[in-house]
Amino acid sequence: MNTSARMLRLLSLLQTHRYWPGAELSSRLEVSPRTLRRDIDRLRELGYAVDAVRGVAGGYQLRAGGALPPLLLEDEEAVAIAVGLQSAAAGSIAGLEESSLQALTKVIGLMPPRLRRQMDAIRSQTDNLPWRGGPELDPSLLATLAQACRDDEPLKFTYTAPPRGGPDPDPTDRWVEPHRLVTLGRRWYLVAYDRDRQDWRSFRVDRISDPRTTGQRFRPRDLPAEDALTFVQSGIRRMPQRYAVRVRLDATVAEVADAVGHWGVASGSDGACLLEMNVDALEWPVMVLTQLDRDFTVDGPPELVDLLQRASRRFAAVHP
């Protein structure tokens, strides 16, 4: 491997790992420790802040500097970042739209002509509808929660639980061991172990305020679920909701499951499919039934029947 290729490989490794033991880096690059040190010095001359720990167990870590040095990106990674920034410009995180557009302009400006043409095609042939209707989030709050998850750092915050058929509960102070952030539709959740309640919880991020890190570290616990997404989905299904929807459809279980995703349960029965959803509002089940375009019978609740009948009369009154 020539020097230039080796330098790119070294930079790629440092950008994807928080800390690399020197022996492991030397082994991966197939160079001596002395050559590795010279390559690290060359990166520092280019503006990359690389910290070194000396000794037998020493190693290297890429540190964020005062200015952002050039990033090493594959073509697919550069396009993925640009597409993601374009999507973020229509997102629900407060203040992110303008920053995303500015960053998108810079990323495209640094792309080689072939990639720039790809992005121009995507931008010119895509219409974006700003994502509205969900709670707006503070990007600094998301950053604080994500870093605490990454660094295994205990977190304190104030939490106002969602109301259950009444006014908002009083805010409570929480002290947690953050595990993972999860997005479901328009909502973000923090999965964490609640130290005071000695149990795992999922917290809606839009109801978290005043997050404070502690500067400590904790040993991660085993999550009582396959993954964080499964944990949040299971908790949502167990929550008491305003309406228990039961609809029998002339459709396959696979078709219905694909339409409702994690918001409902589809099971087969007597050649038909039974859809069950626990929801606070009935607009989503109506949308699902419209999307499926299959014959169905509503077992409950009666409010869903009333809403469907009103929608049917309204649509039937439309003239071409």
Protein backbone atom coordinates (compact mmCIF):
# COMPACT_ATOMS: atom_id res chain seq x y z
CA MET A 1 0.00 0.00 0.00
CA ASN A 2 1.54 3.34 -1.05
CA THR A 3 1.78 6.30 1.32
CA SER A 4 -1.24 8.20 -0.04
CA ALA A 5 -3.53 5.17 0.06
CA ARG A 6 -2.29 4.32 3.55
CA MET A 7 -2.99 7.86 4.79
CA LEU A 8 -6.54 7.70 3.44
CA ARG A 9 -7.04 4.33 5.09
CA LEU A 10 -5.70 5.67 8.41
CA LEU A 11 -7.98 8.70 8.27
CA SER A 12 -10.95 6.51 7.43
CA LEU A 13 -10.28 4.34 10.48
CA LEU A 14 -9.85 7.31 12.82
CA GLN A 15 -13.11 8.85 11.62
CA THR A 16 -15.13 5.74 12.49
CA HIS A 17 -13.76 4.85 15.93
CA ARG A 18 -13.51 6.80 19.18
CA TYR A 19 -10.15 5.30 20.21
CA TRP A 20 -7.68 3.03 18.42
CA PRO A 21 -4.88 1.18 20.23
CA GLY A 22 -1.61 1.79 18.39
CA ALA A 23 -0.91 -1.91 17.95
CA GLU A 24 -4.30 -2.47 16.31
CA LEU A 25 -3.83 0.45 13.88
CA SER A 26 -0.34 -0.79 12.94
CA SER A 27 -1.71 -4.27 12.32
CA ARG A 28 -4.59 -3.04 10.15
CA LEU A 29 -2.33 -0.81 8.08
CA GLU A 30 0.48 -3.40 8.01
CA VAL A 31 3.11 -0.87 9.07
CA SER A 32 5.53 -0.50 11.96
CA PRO A 33 4.71 1.70 14.99
CA ARG A 34 7.34 4.18 13.77
CA THR A 35 5.67 4.52 10.35
CA LEU A 36 2.30 4.91 12.05
CA ARG A 37 3.65 7.78 14.15
CA ARG A 38 4.96 9.53 11.03
CA ASP A 39 1.55 9.14 9.34
CA ILE A 40 -0.17 10.58 12.42
CA ASP A 41 2.19 13.58 12.29
CA ARG A 42 1.28 14.14 8.61
CA LEU A 43 -2.44 14.18 9.51
CA ARG A 44 -1.76 16.76 12.20
CA GLU A 45 0.04 18.94 9.64
CA LEU A 46 -3.13 18.77 7.49
CA GLY A 47 -5.23 20.11 10.36
CA TYR A 48 -6.54 16.92 11.97
CA ALA A 49 -6.36 17.00 15.78
CA VAL A 50 -5.16 13.50 16.70
CA ASP A 51 -4.58 12.83 20.39
CA ALA A 52 -1.98 10.25 21.39
CA VAL A 53 -1.67 8.16 24.55
CA ARG A 54 1.88 6.94 25.09
CA GLY A 55 2.99 3.65 26.57
CA VAL A 56 2.50 -0.04 25.90
CA ALA A 57 -1.30 0.32 25.92
CA GLY A 58 -1.22 3.64 24.10
CA GLY A 59 -3.20 4.61 21.06
CA TYR A 60 -4.75 7.39 19.00
CA GLN A 61 -8.05 9.25 18.86
CA LEU A 62 -9.32 11.85 16.40
CA ARG A 63 -10.44 14.89 18.37
CA ALA A 64 -12.80 17.61 17.19
CA GLY A 65 -10.72 20.70 16.50
CA GLY A 66 -11.51 24.39 16.28
CA ALA A 67 -12.21 24.08 12.55
CA LEU A 68 -13.55 21.22 10.49
CA PRO A 69 -10.78 19.68 8.35
CA PRO A 70 -11.61 17.93 5.07
CA LEU A 71 -13.75 14.83 5.53
CA LEU A 72 -13.00 11.55 3.80
CA LEU A 73 -16.19 10.35 2.11
CA GLU A 74 -16.97 7.71 -0.47
CA ASP A 75 -19.16 8.79 -3.40
CA GLU A 76 -22.19 6.99 -1.97
CA GLU A 77 -21.62 8.55 1.46
CA ALA A 78 -21.44 12.06 0.01
CA VAL A 79 -24.70 11.57 -1.90
CA ALA A 80 -26.34 10.06 1.18
CA ILE A 81 -25.37 13.11 3.27
CA ALA A 82 -26.70 15.50 0.64
CA VAL A 83 -30.01 13.63 0.33
CA GLY A 84 -30.32 13.51 4.10
CA LEU A 85 -29.73 17.26 4.38
CA GLN A 86 -32.35 17.90 1.72
CA SER A 87 -34.86 15.81 3.67
CA ALA A 88 -33.91 17.53 6.94
CA ALA A 89 -34.71 20.89 5.39
CA ALA A 90 -38.37 19.81 5.43
CA GLY A 91 -38.19 18.21 8.88
CA SER A 92 -39.78 18.89 12.24
CA ILE A 93 -36.67 19.83 14.23
CA ALA A 94 -36.88 23.53 15.06
CA GLY A 95 -34.30 25.72 13.36
CA LEU A 96 -32.83 22.86 11.33
CA GLU A 97 -34.30 23.86 7.97
CA GLU A 98 -32.03 26.87 7.36
CA SER A 99 -28.92 25.12 8.71
CA SER A 100 -29.63 22.08 6.52
CA LEU A 101 -29.96 24.21 3.39
CA GLN A 102 -26.70 26.00 4.16
CA ALA A 103 -24.88 22.72 4.77
CA LEU A 104 -26.41 21.20 1.62
CA THR A 105 -25.08 24.09 -0.48
CA LYS A 106 -21.57 23.59 0.94
CA VAL A 107 -21.58 19.80 0.44
CA ILE A 108 -22.75 20.06 -3.18
CA GLY A 109 -20.18 22.78 -3.84
CA LEU A 110 -17.37 20.40 -2.79
CA MET A 111 -18.62 17.49 -4.88
CA PRO A 112 -16.92 16.48 -8.13
CA PRO A 113 -18.98 17.27 -11.28
CA ARG A 114 -20.36 13.73 -11.68
CA LEU A 115 -21.84 13.71 -8.18
CA ARG A 116 -23.05 17.29 -8.48
CA ARG A 117 -25.04 16.32 -11.56
CA GLN A 118 -26.66 13.49 -9.61
CA MET A 119 -27.68 15.85 -6.82
CA ASP A 120 -28.94 18.47 -9.27
CA ALA A 121 -31.15 15.80 -10.80
CA ILE A 122 -32.50 14.79 -7.39
CA ARG A 123 -33.18 18.39 -6.35
CA SER A 124 -34.79 19.43 -9.64
CA GLN A 125 -37.04 16.37 -9.85
CA THR A 126 -38.20 16.27 -6.21
CA ASP A 127 -40.97 18.31 -4.59
CA ASN A 128 -40.80 18.60 -0.81
CA LEU A 129 -43.76 19.18 1.46
CA PRO A 130 -42.59 20.52 4.83
CA TRP A 131 -43.23 17.99 7.59
CA ARG A 132 -45.82 19.50 9.91
CA GLY A 133 -48.32 18.28 12.44
CA GLY A 134 -45.87 16.68 14.88
CA PRO A 135 -44.12 18.27 17.85
CA GLU A 136 -41.13 20.46 17.07
CA LEU A 137 -37.86 19.45 18.71
CA ASP A 138 -34.87 21.45 19.86
CA PRO A 139 -31.76 20.18 18.00
CA SER A 140 -29.55 20.93 21.01
CA LEU A 141 -31.78 18.68 23.14
CA LEU A 142 -31.41 15.84 20.64
CA ALA A 143 -27.63 16.34 20.58
CA THR A 144 -27.40 16.21 24.39
CA LEU A 145 -29.45 13.02 24.58
CA ALA A 146 -27.55 11.34 21.74
CA GLN A 147 -24.15 12.13 23.26
CA ALA A 148 -25.24 10.84 26.65
CA CYS A 149 -26.36 7.57 24.98
CA ARG A 150 -23.07 7.27 23.12
CA ASP A 151 -20.87 8.07 26.12
CA ASP A 152 -22.78 5.97 28.71
CA GLU A 153 -23.28 9.11 30.81
CA PRO A 154 -26.10 9.39 33.39
CA LEU A 155 -28.59 12.11 32.57
CA LYS A 156 -30.98 14.23 34.62
CA PHE A 157 -33.97 16.03 33.11
CA THR A 158 -37.50 17.24 33.78
CA TYR A 159 -40.25 15.14 32.24
CA THR A 160 -43.94 15.88 31.69
CA ALA A 161 -45.73 12.63 30.89
CA PRO A 162 -48.41 12.62 28.15
CA PRO A 163 -51.96 13.18 29.46
CA ARG A 164 -54.30 10.21 29.71
CA GLY A 165 -57.75 11.68 29.17
CA GLY A 166 -57.14 14.72 31.39
CA PRO A 167 -54.77 17.65 31.96
CA ASP A 168 -51.02 17.26 31.74
CA PRO A 169 -49.52 15.56 34.81
CA ASP A 170 -47.13 17.58 36.94
CA PRO A 171 -43.50 17.56 35.73
CA THR A 172 -41.15 15.16 37.49
CA ASP A 173 -37.37 15.06 37.80
CA ARG A 174 -35.77 11.97 36.27
CA TRP A 175 -32.30 10.47 36.70
CA VAL A 176 -31.66 7.89 33.99
CA GLU A 177 -29.08 5.80 32.22
CA PRO A 178 -29.74 6.66 28.54
CA HIS A 179 -29.60 3.77 26.11
CA ARG A 180 -30.87 4.77 22.67
CA LEU A 181 -32.95 7.28 20.68
CA VAL A 182 -35.82 5.90 18.58
CA THR A 183 -37.95 7.62 15.93
CA LEU A 184 -41.49 6.44 15.19
CA GLY A 185 -43.32 8.47 12.59
CA ARG A 186 -43.31 12.08 13.80
CA ARG A 187 -42.18 11.31 17.35
CA TRP A 188 -38.79 10.74 19.00
CA TYR A 189 -38.31 8.57 22.09
CA LEU A 190 -35.47 8.12 24.55
CA VAL A 191 -35.04 4.58 25.88
CA ALA A 192 -33.37 4.66 29.28
CA TYR A 193 -33.11 2.91 32.63
CA ASP A 194 -34.82 5.03 35.31
CA ARG A 195 -32.66 4.83 38.42
CA ASP A 196 -35.31 6.13 40.82
CA ARG A 197 -37.99 3.72 39.55
CA GLN A 198 -35.48 0.93 38.99
CA ASP A 199 -36.99 -0.03 35.66
CA TRP A 200 -36.66 0.62 31.94
CA ARG A 201 -38.73 3.43 30.44
CA SER A 202 -39.29 5.17 27.10
CA PHE A 203 -39.64 8.96 27.23
CA ARG A 204 -41.13 11.17 24.54
CA VAL A 205 -38.35 13.59 23.65
CA ASP A 206 -40.74 16.51 23.04
CA ARG A 207 -41.74 16.25 26.72
CA ILE A 208 -38.17 16.33 28.05
CA SER A 209 -36.75 19.65 29.24
CA ASP A 210 -33.68 20.96 31.05
CA PRO A 211 -31.35 17.99 30.35
CA ARG A 212 -28.22 17.93 32.53
CA THR A 213 -25.27 15.63 32.07
CA THR A 214 -23.35 14.47 35.13
CA GLY A 215 -19.83 13.87 33.84
CA GLN A 216 -19.96 10.34 35.25
CA ARG A 217 -20.06 6.97 33.51
CA PHE A 218 -22.19 3.88 34.01
CA ARG A 219 -21.91 0.26 32.96
CA PRO A 220 -24.66 -0.41 30.37
CA ARG A 221 -27.42 -2.79 31.44
CA ASP A 222 -29.07 -5.43 29.26
CA LEU A 223 -32.22 -4.06 27.62
CA PRO A 224 -35.22 -6.38 28.26
CA ALA A 225 -36.09 -6.48 24.56
CA GLU A 226 -34.55 -7.44 21.25
CA ASP A 227 -33.66 -3.80 20.57
CA ALA A 228 -34.72 -0.27 21.50
CA LEU A 229 -37.27 -0.02 18.67
CA THR A 230 -39.00 -3.22 19.79
CA PHE A 231 -39.04 -1.93 23.38
CA VAL A 232 -40.77 1.32 22.38
CA GLN A 233 -43.28 -0.43 20.13
CA SER A 234 -44.18 -2.88 22.88
CA GLY A 235 -44.69 -0.06 25.36
CA ILE A 236 -46.96 1.86 22.99
CA ARG A 237 -49.14 -1.20 22.44
CA ARG A 238 -49.58 -1.63 26.21
CA MET A 239 -50.59 1.97 26.81
CA PRO A 240 -54.30 2.59 27.43
CA GLN A 241 -55.73 4.55 24.51
CA ARG A 242 -59.03 6.26 23.89
CA TYR A 243 -60.24 3.86 21.17
CA ALA A 244 -59.81 0.11 20.68
CA VAL A 245 -60.26 -0.43 16.94
CA ARG A 246 -61.27 -3.86 15.58
CA VAL A 247 -61.90 -4.24 11.86
CA ARG A 248 -62.30 -7.41 9.76
CA LEU A 249 -60.97 -7.07 6.21
CA ASP A 250 -61.15 -9.10 3.04
CA ALA A 251 -57.36 -8.93 2.68
CA THR A 252 -54.27 -10.91 3.54
CA VAL A 253 -52.45 -10.47 6.82
CA ALA A 254 -49.34 -9.36 4.93
CA GLU A 255 -51.23 -6.57 3.13
CA VAL A 256 -52.73 -5.22 6.34
CA ALA A 257 -49.52 -5.54 8.36
CA ASP A 258 -47.64 -3.61 5.68
CA ALA A 259 -50.21 -0.79 5.79
CA VAL A 260 -50.35 -0.37 9.59
CA GLY A 261 -46.68 -1.03 10.37
CA HIS A 262 -45.99 -0.86 14.09
CA TRP A 263 -49.26 0.98 14.84
CA GLY A 264 -51.48 -2.10 14.76
CA VAL A 265 -51.68 -5.87 14.86
CA ALA A 266 -53.00 -7.98 11.96
CA SER A 267 -53.97 -11.62 12.43
CA GLY A 268 -55.77 -14.20 10.26
CA SER A 269 -59.18 -15.60 11.12
CA ASP A 270 -61.69 -17.60 9.03
CA GLY A 271 -60.19 -16.54 5.72
CA ALA A 272 -60.23 -12.85 6.69
CA CYS A 273 -57.85 -10.55 8.49
CA LEU A 274 -58.50 -8.96 11.85
CA LEU A 275 -56.96 -5.53 12.37
CA GLU A 276 -56.56 -4.28 15.95
CA MET A 277 -55.33 -0.79 16.80
CA ASN A 278 -55.30 1.17 20.06
CA VAL A 279 -55.39 4.87 19.18
CA ASP A 280 -56.19 8.27 20.66
CA ALA A 281 -57.64 9.54 17.37
CA LEU A 282 -59.53 7.73 14.61
CA GLU A 283 -58.13 9.57 11.58
CA TRP A 284 -55.24 7.11 11.24
CA PRO A 285 -57.46 3.97 11.04
CA VAL A 286 -59.60 5.74 8.43
CA MET A 287 -56.48 6.48 6.37
CA VAL A 288 -55.34 2.85 6.64
CA LEU A 289 -58.73 1.50 5.50
CA THR A 290 -58.77 3.94 2.58
CA GLN A 291 -55.28 2.92 1.55
CA LEU A 292 -56.08 -0.81 1.63
CA ASP A 293 -59.17 -0.43 -0.64
CA ARG A 294 -60.67 -3.73 0.54
CA ASP A 295 -64.13 -4.70 1.82
CA PHE A 296 -64.29 -4.57 5.62
CA THR A 297 -66.58 -4.81 8.64
CA VAL A 298 -66.11 -2.65 11.73
CA ASP A 299 -66.48 -4.51 15.04
CA GLY A 300 -65.78 -1.37 17.02
CA PRO A 301 -65.77 1.28 18.19
CA PRO A 302 -69.07 2.90 17.08
CA GLU A 303 -67.26 6.25 16.76
CA LEU A 304 -65.23 4.78 13.90
CA VAL A 305 -68.42 3.75 12.09
CA ASP A 306 -69.80 7.30 12.48
CA LEU A 307 -66.60 8.84 11.17
CA LEU A 308 -66.49 6.51 8.16
CA GLN A 309 -70.13 7.22 7.34
CA ARG A 310 -69.57 10.98 7.49
CA ALA A 311 -66.51 10.64 5.27
CA SER A 312 -68.47 8.48 2.84
CA ARG A 313 -71.25 11.07 2.54
CA ARG A 314 -68.72 13.83 2.06
CA PHE A 315 -66.87 11.99 -0.71
CA ALA A 316 -70.09 10.91 -2.39
CA ALA A 317 -71.14 14.55 -2.65
CA VAL A 318 -68.08 15.43 -4.74
CA HIS A 319 -68.96 16.16 -8.37
CA PRO A 320 -66.51 15.66 -11.22
